[in-house]
C-alpha atoms as a PDB file:
ATOM      1  CA  MET A   1      -8.582  85.825 -18.248  1.00  0.00           C
ATOM      2  CA  VAL A   2      -6.098  83.880 -16.159  1.00  0.00           C
ATOM      3  CA  ARG A   3      -7.290  83.167 -12.655  1.00  0.00           C
ATOM      4  CA  SER A   4      -5.122  84.621  -9.934  1.00  0.00           C
ATOM      5  CA  VAL A   5      -4.792  81.984  -7.247  1.00  0.00           C
ATOM      6  CA  HIS A   6      -2.237  81.761  -4.520  1.00  0.00           C
ATOM      7  CA  ARG A   7      -0.955  78.973  -2.353  1.00  0.00           C
ATOM      8  CA  GLN A   8      -2.334  79.635   1.078  1.00  0.00           C
ATOM      9  CA  ARG A   9       0.156  80.477   3.784  1.00  0.00           C
ATOM     10  CA  GLN A  10      -0.006  77.799   6.446  1.00  0.00           C
ATOM     11  CA  ARG A  11      -0.241  79.190   9.946  1.00  0.00           C
ATOM     12  CA  PRO A  12      -0.486  77.210  13.164  1.00  0.00           C
ATOM     13  CA  PRO A  13      -3.999  76.922  14.548  1.00  0.00           C
ATOM     14  CA  PRO A  14      -4.909  79.222  17.411  1.00  0.00           C
ATOM     15  CA  PRO A  15      -4.304  77.824  20.889  1.00  0.00           C
ATOM     16  CA  ALA A  16      -7.130  75.612  22.097  1.00  0.00           C
ATOM     17  CA  THR A  17      -8.479  75.390  25.604  1.00  0.00           C
ATOM     18  CA  ALA A  18      -6.675  73.548  28.352  1.00  0.00           C
ATOM     19  CA  THR A  19      -8.429  70.336  27.292  1.00  0.00           C
ATOM     20  CA  ALA A  20      -7.405  70.897  23.650  1.00  0.00           C
ATOM     21  CA  ARG A  21     -11.060  71.405  22.705  1.00  0.00           C
ATOM     22  CA  MET A  22     -11.898  74.268  20.386  1.00  0.00           C
ATOM     23  CA  PRO A  23     -15.205  76.126  20.848  1.00  0.00           C
ATOM     24  CA  LEU A  24     -17.224  75.838  17.651  1.00  0.00           C
ATOM     25  CA  ALA A  25     -20.191  77.688  16.157  1.00  0.00           C
ATOM     26  CA  GLY A  26     -22.561  77.451  13.230  1.00  0.00           C
ATOM     27  CA  VAL A  27     -24.426  80.570  12.106  1.00  0.00           C
ATOM     28  CA  ASP A  28     -27.728  80.625  10.230  1.00  0.00           C
ATOM     29  CA  PHE A  29     -27.851  84.155   8.831  1.00  0.00           C
ATOM     30  CA  THR A  30     -30.493  86.607   7.675  1.00  0.00           C
ATOM     31  CA  SER A  31     -29.991  90.006   6.079  1.00  0.00           C
ATOM     32  CA  ALA A  32     -32.859  91.449   8.145  1.00  0.00           C
ATOM     33  CA  PRO A  33     -32.729  90.055  11.703  1.00  0.00           C
ATOM     34  CA  ARG A  34     -35.808  90.562  13.851  1.00  0.00           C
ATOM     35  CA  PRO A  35     -37.525  88.708  16.710  1.00  0.00           C
ATOM     36  CA  ARG A  36     -39.485  86.444  14.347  1.00  0.00           C
ATOM     37  CA  LYS A  37     -36.456  85.773  12.121  1.00  0.00           C
ATOM     38  CA  PRO A  38     -33.250  86.172  14.148  1.00  0.00           C
ATOM     39  CA  ILE A  39     -29.671  85.282  13.320  1.00  0.00           C
ATOM     40  CA  THR A  40     -29.351  81.824  14.897  1.00  0.00           C
ATOM     41  CA  VAL A  41     -26.093  80.471  16.306  1.00  0.00           C
ATOM     42  CA  ALA A  42     -25.506  76.846  17.355  1.00  0.00           C
ATOM     43  CA  LEU A  43     -22.604  76.418  19.772  1.00  0.00           C
ATOM     44  CA  ALA A  44     -20.481  73.487  20.904  1.00  0.00           C
ATOM     45  CA  ASP A  45     -17.677  73.311  23.433  1.00  0.00           C
ATOM     46  CA  GLY A  46     -15.489  71.298  21.089  1.00  0.00           C
ATOM     47  CA  LEU A  47     -15.088  68.183  19.015  1.00  0.00           C
ATOM     48  CA  GLU A  48     -15.106  65.028  21.135  1.00  0.00           C
ATOM     49  CA  ARG A  49     -14.583  61.304  20.598  1.00  0.00           C
ATOM     50  CA  GLY A  50     -17.383  58.852  21.177  1.00  0.00           C
ATOM     51  CA  PRO A  51     -16.913  55.419  22.840  1.00  0.00           C
ATOM     52  CA  ASP A  52     -16.096  53.955  19.443  1.00  0.00           C
ATOM     53  CA  GLY A  53     -13.555  56.680  18.696  1.00  0.00           C
ATOM     54  CA  ALA A  54     -15.768  58.428  16.141  1.00  0.00           C
ATOM     55  CA  PRO A  55     -15.855  62.245  16.288  1.00  0.00           C
ATOM     56  CA  VAL A  56     -18.897  63.744  17.998  1.00  0.00           C
ATOM     57  CA  VAL A  57     -20.028  67.354  18.196  1.00  0.00           C
ATOM     58  CA  SER A  58     -22.481  68.058  21.016  1.00  0.00           C
ATOM     59  CA  VAL A  59     -24.846  71.015  20.746  1.00  0.00           C
ATOM     60  CA  ALA A  60     -24.333  72.958  23.972  1.00  0.00           C
ATOM     61  CA  ARG A  61     -26.822  75.727  23.230  1.00  0.00           C
ATOM     62  CA  ILE A  62     -28.484  77.656  20.429  1.00  0.00           C
ATOM     63  CA  GLU A  63     -28.708  81.426  20.649  1.00  0.00           C
ATOM     64  CA  ALA A  64     -30.847  83.901  18.697  1.00  0.00           C
ATOM     65  CA  PHE A  65     -29.879  87.491  17.853  1.00  0.00           C
ATOM     66  CA  ALA A  66     -32.743  89.749  16.793  1.00  0.00           C
ATOM     67  CA  SER A  67     -30.512  92.649  15.753  1.00  0.00           C
ATOM     68  CA  PHE A  68     -27.201  93.189  14.003  1.00  0.00           C
ATOM     69  CA  GLU A  69     -25.921  95.026  17.084  1.00  0.00           C
ATOM     70  CA  ALA A  70     -26.447  91.982  19.301  1.00  0.00           C
ATOM     71  CA  TRP A  71     -24.885  89.644  16.742  1.00  0.00           C
ATOM     72  CA  GLU A  72     -21.872  91.906  16.224  1.00  0.00           C
ATOM     73  CA  ALA A  73     -21.301  91.879  19.982  1.00  0.00           C
ATOM     74  CA  TRP A  74     -21.159  88.075  19.751  1.00  0.00           C
ATOM     75  CA  LEU A  75     -18.661  88.332  16.862  1.00  0.00           C
ATOM     76  CA  ARG A  76     -16.379  90.255  19.204  1.00  0.00           C
ATOM     77  CA  THR A  77     -16.404  87.434  21.780  1.00  0.00           C
ATOM     78  CA  PRO A  78     -12.742  86.718  22.550  1.00  0.00           C
ATOM     79  CA  GLY A  79     -11.332  83.572  20.976  1.00  0.00           C
ATOM     80  CA  PRO A  80     -10.303  80.988  20.435  1.00  0.00           C
ATOM     81  CA  TRP A  81     -13.256  79.799  18.377  1.00  0.00           C
ATOM     82  CA  VAL A  82     -14.073  78.573  14.876  1.00  0.00           C
ATOM     83  CA  ALA A  83     -17.376  79.335  13.155  1.00  0.00           C
ATOM     84  CA  ALA A  84     -19.033  78.536   9.835  1.00  0.00           C
ATOM     85  CA  PHE A  85     -21.429  81.169   8.505  1.00  0.00           C
ATOM     86  CA  ASP A  86     -24.348  80.544   6.144  1.00  0.00           C
ATOM     87  CA  PHE A  87     -23.847  83.418   3.723  1.00  0.00           C
ATOM     88  CA  PRO A  88     -21.490  83.961   0.789  1.00  0.00           C
ATOM     89  CA  PHE A  89     -18.292  85.776   1.669  1.00  0.00           C
ATOM     90  CA  ALA A  90     -17.548  86.923  -1.888  1.00  0.00           C
ATOM     91  CA  PHE A  91     -18.801  87.468  -5.419  1.00  0.00           C
ATOM     92  CA  ALA A  92     -17.656  85.636  -8.533  1.00  0.00           C
ATOM     93  CA  ARG A  93     -14.412  86.902 -10.038  1.00  0.00           C
ATOM     94  CA  ALA A  94     -16.134  87.842 -13.320  1.00  0.00           C
ATOM     95  CA  PHE A  95     -18.676  90.042 -11.532  1.00  0.00           C
ATOM     96  CA  VAL A  96     -15.957  91.703  -9.433  1.00  0.00           C
ATOM     97  CA  ALA A  97     -13.932  92.459 -12.563  1.00  0.00           C
ATOM     98  CA  ALA A  98     -16.971  94.040 -14.238  1.00  0.00           C
ATOM     99  CA  GLN A  99     -17.348  96.423 -11.265  1.00  0.00           C
ATOM    100  CA  ALA A 100     -13.700  97.521 -11.642  1.00  0.00           C
ATOM    101  CA  TRP A 101     -13.044  96.419  -8.071  1.00  0.00           C
ATOM    102  CA  PRO A 102      -9.509  95.207  -7.233  1.00  0.00           C
ATOM    103  CA  LEU A 103      -8.607  91.667  -8.263  1.00  0.00           C
ATOM    104  CA  GLU A 104      -4.994  91.682  -7.122  1.00  0.00           C
ATOM    105  CA  GLY A 105      -3.068  92.665  -4.035  1.00  0.00           C
ATOM    106  CA  PRO A 106      -2.193  91.036  -0.730  1.00  0.00           C
ATOM    107  CA  ASP A 107      -5.743  91.427   0.598  1.00  0.00           C
ATOM    108  CA  ALA A 108      -8.054  91.840  -2.372  1.00  0.00           C
ATOM    109  CA  TRP A 109     -11.022  90.477  -0.417  1.00  0.00           C
ATOM    110  CA  ALA A 110     -10.840  93.285   2.152  1.00  0.00           C
ATOM    111  CA  ALA A 111     -10.653  95.915  -0.582  1.00  0.00           C
ATOM    112  CA  ILE A 112     -13.581  94.382  -2.484  1.00  0.00           C
ATOM    113  CA  THR A 113     -15.636  94.061   0.690  1.00  0.00           C
ATOM    114  CA  ALA A 114     -15.021  97.732   1.489  1.00  0.00           C
ATOM    115  CA  HIS A 115     -16.434  98.619  -1.954  1.00  0.00           C
ATOM    116  CA  VAL A 116     -19.477  96.428  -1.259  1.00  0.00           C
ATOM    117  CA  ALA A 117     -20.012  98.058   2.154  1.00  0.00           C
ATOM    118  CA  ALA A 118     -19.965 101.522   0.543  1.00  0.00           C
ATOM    119  CA  LEU A 119     -22.995 100.636  -1.598  1.00  0.00           C
ATOM    120  CA  SER A 120     -26.576 100.830  -0.422  1.00  0.00           C
ATOM    121  CA  ARG A 121     -28.720  97.754  -0.934  1.00  0.00           C
ATOM    122  CA  PRO A 122     -30.560  99.314  -3.910  1.00  0.00           C
ATOM    123  CA  GLU A 123     -27.218 100.260  -5.470  1.00  0.00           C
ATOM    124  CA  LEU A 124     -25.894  96.717  -5.132  1.00  0.00           C
ATOM    125  CA  VAL A 125     -29.105  95.244  -6.543  1.00  0.00           C
ATOM    126  CA  ALA A 126     -28.900  97.650  -9.476  1.00  0.00           C
ATOM    127  CA  ARG A 127     -25.394  96.427 -10.293  1.00  0.00           C
ATOM    128  CA  CYS A 128     -26.486  92.793 -10.081  1.00  0.00           C
ATOM    129  CA  ARG A 129     -29.535  93.488 -12.225  1.00  0.00           C
ATOM    130  CA  ALA A 130     -27.461  95.327 -14.850  1.00  0.00           C
ATOM    131  CA  TRP A 131     -25.125  92.339 -15.116  1.00  0.00           C
ATOM    132  CA  CYS A 132     -28.039  89.931 -15.598  1.00  0.00           C
ATOM    133  CA  ASP A 133     -29.916  92.164 -18.049  1.00  0.00           C
ATOM    134  CA  ALA A 134     -26.895  92.176 -20.364  1.00  0.00           C
ATOM    135  CA  ARG A 135     -26.770  88.373 -20.559  1.00  0.00           C
ATOM    136  CA  PRO A 136     -28.860  85.703 -22.275  1.00  0.00           C
ATOM    137  CA  ALA A 137     -31.333  83.419 -20.575  1.00  0.00           C
ATOM    138  CA  GLY A 138     -29.608  80.485 -18.956  1.00  0.00           C
ATOM    139  CA  GLY A 139     -26.448  82.459 -18.311  1.00  0.00           C
ATOM    140  CA  LYS A 140     -27.682  85.400 -16.308  1.00  0.00           C
ATOM    141  CA  PHE A 141     -25.681  84.950 -13.121  1.00  0.00           C
ATOM    142  CA  ALA A 142     -21.955  84.873 -12.449  1.00  0.00           C
ATOM    143  CA  HIS A 143     -21.124  81.759 -10.423  1.00  0.00           C
ATOM    144  CA  ARG A 144     -18.142  81.067  -8.219  1.00  0.00           C
ATOM    145  CA  ALA A 145     -16.126  77.912  -8.769  1.00  0.00           C
ATOM    146  CA  CYS A 146     -17.448  76.391  -5.526  1.00  0.00           C
ATOM    147  CA  ASP A 147     -21.105  76.786  -6.559  1.00  0.00           C
ATOM    148  CA  ALA A 148     -20.905  73.832  -8.935  1.00  0.00           C
ATOM    149  CA  THR A 149     -19.712  71.368  -6.296  1.00  0.00           C
ATOM    150  CA  ALA A 150     -21.743  72.794  -3.392  1.00  0.00           C
ATOM    151  CA  GLY A 151     -24.975  73.239  -5.372  1.00  0.00           C
ATOM    152  CA  SER A 152     -25.233  76.790  -4.030  1.00  0.00           C
ATOM    153  CA  SER A 153     -26.889  79.794  -5.619  1.00  0.00           C
ATOM    154  CA  ALA A 154     -24.838  82.492  -7.309  1.00  0.00           C
ATOM    155  CA  SER A 155     -23.807  85.006  -4.658  1.00  0.00           C
ATOM    156  CA  MET A 156     -25.127  87.865  -6.816  1.00  0.00           C
ATOM    157  CA  LYS A 157     -28.755  86.670  -6.623  1.00  0.00           C
ATOM    158  CA  TRP A 158     -30.885  89.278  -4.881  1.00  0.00           C
ATOM    159  CA  VAL A 159     -34.111  87.205  -4.700  1.00  0.00           C
ATOM    160  CA  ASN A 160     -35.012  83.558  -4.164  1.00  0.00           C
ATOM    161  CA  PRO A 161     -32.748  83.458  -2.167  1.00  0.00           C
ATOM    162  CA  PRO A 162     -31.455  87.017  -1.578  1.00  0.00           C
ATOM    163  CA  VAL A 163     -27.869  85.912  -0.991  1.00  0.00           C
ATOM    164  CA  ALA A 164     -26.398  89.135  -2.427  1.00  0.00           C
ATOM    165  CA  LEU A 165     -28.153  91.026   0.364  1.00  0.00           C
ATOM    166  CA  MET A 166     -26.835  88.499   2.885  1.00  0.00           C
ATOM    167  CA  LEU A 167     -23.300  89.054   1.579  1.00  0.00           C
ATOM    168  CA  HIS A 168     -23.836  92.822   1.761  1.00  0.00           C
ATOM    169  CA  ALA A 169     -24.989  92.551   5.373  1.00  0.00           C
ATOM    170  CA  GLY A 170     -22.557  89.890   6.558  1.00  0.00           C
ATOM    171  CA  ALA A 171     -19.161  90.200   4.896  1.00  0.00           C
ATOM    172  CA  PRO A 172     -18.474  93.826   5.922  1.00  0.00           C
ATOM    173  CA  ARG A 173     -19.313  92.934   9.518  1.00  0.00           C
ATOM    174  CA  LEU A 174     -16.786  90.084   9.486  1.00  0.00           C
ATOM    175  CA  LEU A 175     -14.233  92.542   8.117  1.00  0.00           C
ATOM    176  CA  ARG A 176     -14.975  95.143  10.804  1.00  0.00           C
ATOM    177  CA  ALA A 177     -14.861  92.512  13.553  1.00  0.00           C
ATOM    178  CA  GLY A 178     -11.294  91.600  12.593  1.00  0.00           C
ATOM    179  CA  LEU A 179     -11.919  87.887  12.063  1.00  0.00           C
ATOM    180  CA  THR A 180      -9.472  85.672  10.194  1.00  0.00           C
ATOM    181  CA  LEU A 181     -10.927  84.206   6.978  1.00  0.00           C
ATOM    182  CA  PRO A 182      -8.518  81.452   5.865  1.00  0.00           C
ATOM    183  CA  GLY A 183      -7.585  81.905   2.226  1.00  0.00           C
ATOM    184  CA  LEU A 184      -9.315  85.278   1.950  1.00  0.00           C
ATOM    185  CA  HIS A 185      -8.377  87.674   4.729  1.00  0.00           C
ATOM    186  CA  GLU A 186      -5.451  87.071   7.089  1.00  0.00           C
ATOM    187  CA  ARG A 187      -3.499  90.331   7.266  1.00  0.00           C
ATOM    188  CA  GLY A 188      -3.882  92.174  10.570  1.00  0.00           C
ATOM    189  CA  THR A 189      -6.673  89.866  11.758  1.00  0.00           C
ATOM    190  CA  ASP A 190      -7.283  87.995  15.006  1.00  0.00           C
ATOM    191  CA  PRO A 191      -5.945  84.436  14.510  1.00  0.00           C
ATOM    192  CA  ALA A 192      -7.987  83.206  17.486  1.00  0.00           C
ATOM    193  CA  ARG A 193     -11.339  83.903  15.774  1.00  0.00           C
ATOM    194  CA  ILE A 194     -11.732  81.906  12.572  1.00  0.00           C
ATOM    195  CA  ALA A 195     -14.580  82.501  10.104  1.00  0.00           C
ATOM    196  CA  LEU A 196     -15.376  79.992   7.363  1.00  0.00           C
ATOM    197  CA  GLU A 197     -18.116  80.010   4.763  1.00  0.00           C
ATOM    198  CA  GLY A 198     -20.673  77.292   5.380  1.00  0.00           C
ATOM    199  CA  TYR A 199     -23.696  76.151   3.421  1.00  0.00           C
ATOM    200  CA  PRO A 200     -26.280  73.891   5.135  1.00  0.00           C
ATOM    201  CA  GLY A 201     -27.732  72.860   1.788  1.00  0.00           C
ATOM    202  CA  LEU A 202     -24.573  70.860   1.079  1.00  0.00           C
ATOM    203  CA  PRO A 203     -25.015  68.210   3.816  1.00  0.00           C
ATOM    204  CA  ALA A 204     -28.822  68.454   3.736  1.00  0.00           C
ATOM    205  CA  ARG A 205     -29.054  67.534   0.050  1.00  0.00           C
ATOM    206  CA  ALA A 206     -26.628  64.653   0.503  1.00  0.00           C
ATOM    207  CA  VAL A 207     -29.176  63.127   2.890  1.00  0.00           C
ATOM    208  CA  LEU A 208     -32.499  64.312   1.466  1.00  0.00           C
ATOM    209  CA  GLY A 209     -31.798  65.005  -2.190  1.00  0.00           C
ATOM    210  CA  ARG A 210     -34.185  67.725  -3.317  1.00  0.00           C
ATOM    211  CA  THR A 211     -36.834  66.879  -0.713  1.00  0.00           C
ATOM    212  CA  PRO A 212     -37.802  70.182   0.984  1.00  0.00           C
ATOM    213  CA  TYR A 213     -37.300  70.270   4.733  1.00  0.00           C
ATOM    214  CA  LYS A 214     -38.100  73.887   5.618  1.00  0.00           C
ATOM    215  CA  SER A 215     -40.209  76.894   4.738  1.00  0.00           C
ATOM    216  CA  ASP A 216     -40.837  80.333   6.200  1.00  0.00           C
ATOM    217  CA  ASP A 217     -44.230  80.449   4.482  1.00  0.00           C
ATOM    218  CA  PRO A 218     -46.974  80.215   7.151  1.00  0.00           C
ATOM    219  CA  LYS A 219     -49.034  77.812   5.013  1.00  0.00           C
ATOM    220  CA  HIS A 220     -46.244  75.226   5.329  1.00  0.00           C
ATOM    221  CA  ARG A 221     -45.799  75.519   9.081  1.00  0.00           C
ATOM    222  CA  GLN A 222     -47.673  72.293   9.751  1.00  0.00           C
ATOM    223  CA  ASP A 223     -46.488  70.465   6.626  1.00  0.00           C
ATOM    224  CA  PRO A 224     -46.001  66.822   7.783  1.00  0.00           C
ATOM    225  CA  SER A 225     -43.713  65.956   4.859  1.00  0.00           C
ATOM    226  CA  ARG A 226     -41.265  68.735   5.735  1.00  0.00           C
ATOM    227  CA  ARG A 227     -41.304  67.725   9.386  1.00  0.00           C
ATOM    228  CA  ALA A 228     -40.587  64.125   8.370  1.00  0.00           C
ATOM    229  CA  ALA A 229     -37.668  65.346   6.252  1.00  0.00           C
ATOM    230  CA  ARG A 230     -36.235  67.263   9.226  1.00  0.00           C
ATOM    231  CA  GLU A 231     -36.591  64.124  11.337  1.00  0.00           C
ATOM    232  CA  ARG A 232     -34.674  62.128   8.699  1.00  0.00           C
ATOM    233  CA  LEU A 233     -31.936  64.747   8.571  1.00  0.00           C
ATOM    234  CA  VAL A 234     -31.577  64.912  12.357  1.00  0.00           C
ATOM    235  CA  ALA A 235     -31.455  61.107  12.569  1.00  0.00           C
ATOM    236  CA  ALA A 236     -28.764  60.983   9.869  1.00  0.00           C
ATOM    237  CA  LEU A 237     -26.683  63.555  11.737  1.00  0.00           C
ATOM    238  CA  GLU A 238     -27.042  61.591  14.981  1.00  0.00           C
ATOM    239  CA  ALA A 239     -25.925  58.402  13.256  1.00  0.00           C
ATOM    240  CA  GLY A 240     -22.994  60.020  11.473  1.00  0.00           C
ATOM    241  CA  ALA A 241     -24.649  59.136   8.166  1.00  0.00           C
ATOM    242  CA  ALA A 242     -24.486  62.689   6.794  1.00  0.00           C
ATOM    243  CA  PRO A 243     -21.383  64.044   5.023  1.00  0.00           C
ATOM    244  CA  PHE A 244     -18.333  65.166   7.029  1.00  0.00           C
ATOM    245  CA  GLY A 245     -18.148  61.933   9.044  1.00  0.00           C
ATOM    246  CA  LEU A 246     -19.294  63.448  12.344  1.00  0.00           C
ATOM    247  CA  ARG A 247     -22.023  62.435  14.733  1.00  0.00           C
ATOM    248  CA  VAL A 248     -24.187  65.117  16.313  1.00  0.00           C
ATOM    249  CA  ASP A 249     -25.481  64.916  19.865  1.00  0.00           C
ATOM    250  CA  PHE A 250     -28.439  67.301  19.848  1.00  0.00           C
ATOM    251  CA  GLY A 251     -29.198  66.876  23.541  1.00  0.00           C
ATOM    252  CA  THR A 252     -32.223  68.940  24.538  1.00  0.00           C
ATOM    253  CA  TRP A 253     -32.156  70.692  21.144  1.00  0.00           C
ATOM    254  CA  ARG A 254     -33.329  67.664  19.165  1.00  0.00           C
ATOM    255  CA  LEU A 255     -37.061  68.329  19.302  1.00  0.00           C
ATOM    256  CA  PRO A 256     -36.720  72.115  18.685  1.00  0.00           C
ATOM    257  CA  CYS A 257     -34.661  71.339  15.564  1.00  0.00           C
ATOM    258  CA  VAL A 258     -37.255  68.871  14.289  1.00  0.00           C
ATOM    259  CA  GLU A 259     -40.290  71.003  15.110  1.00  0.00           C
ATOM    260  CA  GLU A 260     -39.151  74.402  13.785  1.00  0.00           C
ATOM    261  CA  PRO A 261     -40.724  74.891  10.304  1.00  0.00           C
ATOM    262  CA  GLY A 262     -38.116  77.391   9.093  1.00  0.00           C
ATOM    263  CA  ALA A 263     -35.268  75.117  10.255  1.00  0.00           C
ATOM    264  CA  ASP A 264     -33.112  78.034  11.414  1.00  0.00           C
ATOM    265  CA  ARG A 265     -31.835  75.998  14.354  1.00  0.00           C
ATOM    266  CA  LEU A 266     -31.224  72.928  12.203  1.00  0.00           C
ATOM    267  CA  ASP A 267     -29.376  74.977   9.583  1.00  0.00           C
ATOM    268  CA  ALA A 268     -27.202  76.457  12.338  1.00  0.00           C
ATOM    269  CA  VAL A 269     -26.359  72.926  13.481  1.00  0.00           C
ATOM    270  CA  LEU A 270     -25.483  71.926   9.904  1.00  0.00           C
ATOM    271  CA  CYS A 271     -23.058  74.870   9.795  1.00  0.00           C
ATOM    272  CA  LEU A 272     -21.722  73.800  13.202  1.00  0.00           C
ATOM    273  CA  VAL A 273     -20.885  70.414  11.678  1.00  0.00           C
ATOM    274  CA  GLN A 274     -18.993  72.157   8.882  1.00  0.00           C
ATOM    275  CA  ALA A 275     -17.042  74.208  11.441  1.00  0.00           C
ATOM    276  CA  ALA A 276     -16.135  71.038  13.350  1.00  0.00           C
ATOM    277  CA  TRP A 277     -15.024  69.283  10.170  1.00  0.00           C
ATOM    278  CA  ALA A 278     -12.840  72.264   9.203  1.00  0.00           C
ATOM    279  CA  TRP A 279     -11.305  72.409  12.686  1.00  0.00           C
ATOM    280  CA  SER A 280     -10.379  68.720  12.436  1.00  0.00           C
ATOM    281  CA  ARG A 281      -8.507  69.615   9.213  1.00  0.00           C
ATOM    282  CA  ARG A 282      -6.883  72.793  10.452  1.00  0.00           C
ATOM    283  CA  GLY A 283      -3.453  71.386   9.648  1.00  0.00           C
ATOM    284  CA  ALA A 284      -4.561  70.674   6.071  1.00  0.00           C
ATOM    285  CA  ASN A 285      -5.674  74.154   5.079  1.00  0.00           C
ATOM    286  CA  TRP A 286      -8.957  73.821   7.012  1.00  0.00           C
ATOM    287  CA  GLY A 287     -10.165  71.386   4.358  1.00  0.00           C
ATOM    288  CA  LEU A 288     -10.089  74.148   1.728  1.00  0.00           C
ATOM    289  CA  PRO A 289      -8.434  73.779  -1.690  1.00  0.00           C
ATOM    290  CA  VAL A 290      -4.726  74.528  -1.496  1.00  0.00           C
ATOM    291  CA  ARG A 291      -5.071  76.810  -4.512  1.00  0.00           C
ATOM    292  CA  GLU A 292      -8.185  78.651  -3.439  1.00  0.00           C
ATOM    293  CA  ASP A 293      -9.148  81.765  -5.391  1.00  0.00           C
ATOM    294  CA  ARG A 294      -8.477  84.654  -3.004  1.00  0.00           C
ATOM    295  CA  VAL A 295     -11.220  86.730  -4.637  1.00  0.00           C
ATOM    296  CA  GLU A 296     -14.014  84.140  -4.651  1.00  0.00           C
ATOM    297  CA  GLY A 297     -13.277  82.053  -1.563  1.00  0.00           C
ATOM    298  CA  TRP A 298     -14.699  78.583  -1.001  1.00  0.00           C
ATOM    299  CA  ILE A 299     -17.496  76.805   0.872  1.00  0.00           C
ATOM    300  CA  VAL A 300     -16.299  74.376   3.550  1.00  0.00           C
ATOM    301  CA  GLY A 301     -16.588  70.820   2.298  1.00  0.00           C
ATOM    302  CA  ALA A 302     -17.387  71.713  -1.292  1.00  0.00           C
END
């Protein structure tokens, strides 16, 4: 099958604030938000320059949303702003084709996402399971092109991690909120609210390798090795030694990011860094491939 890819239409970036600083956000997502595991959003007032001229993103605040209703209200916050979200926006082209969902058209992503939204979670899992059951060991999952370079899980995985459920919960809400998704969804959208797919594992692994730095399992809450890994990651971000060439000023959020065992705040900051990096490349297709697959999308920085 020949991939259908299209050269992205270049549009001017949305107007920034009077000081030419764009509000930025990084979103650590969950498919089942609740008080003990909320959707976590790290926010910055813009990308600044340090005394040495290096770019710096300062964490202004970190907010937690314990329900989809509260988070969707935040999505409707008037722009301009740019955010990177930690969930897959799309499935692999091969999986989409097997579902007989549309692969062509001026806004295939919106049509596919509407099909996804019409399914219940069990129905989506059943489709993913049927795909895997028909394939041999070692080739069960359909991967997107960006998975290889980002090191991310296939977006059709429903356990460990349940990213298919995150897609099911997140992508339709981006569609309903009218956000612009560069390369995927730009027709009839709000150009002042930009949504990009982030993945905190990309910068984290560049610093830590495969060393674990988080866990939601209560038995690991006081794990000193994971805390030490979070400290290393925070220090690398502060020094600009992590990918994307940005320094992070955590301010009062440094200790909460180091101490939190599940690293929801830290993952939100990692996505914030990806949003800042994309904003700095807004004139170069937001740092995305020029010939991005408009069905699969792409992870920022991959």
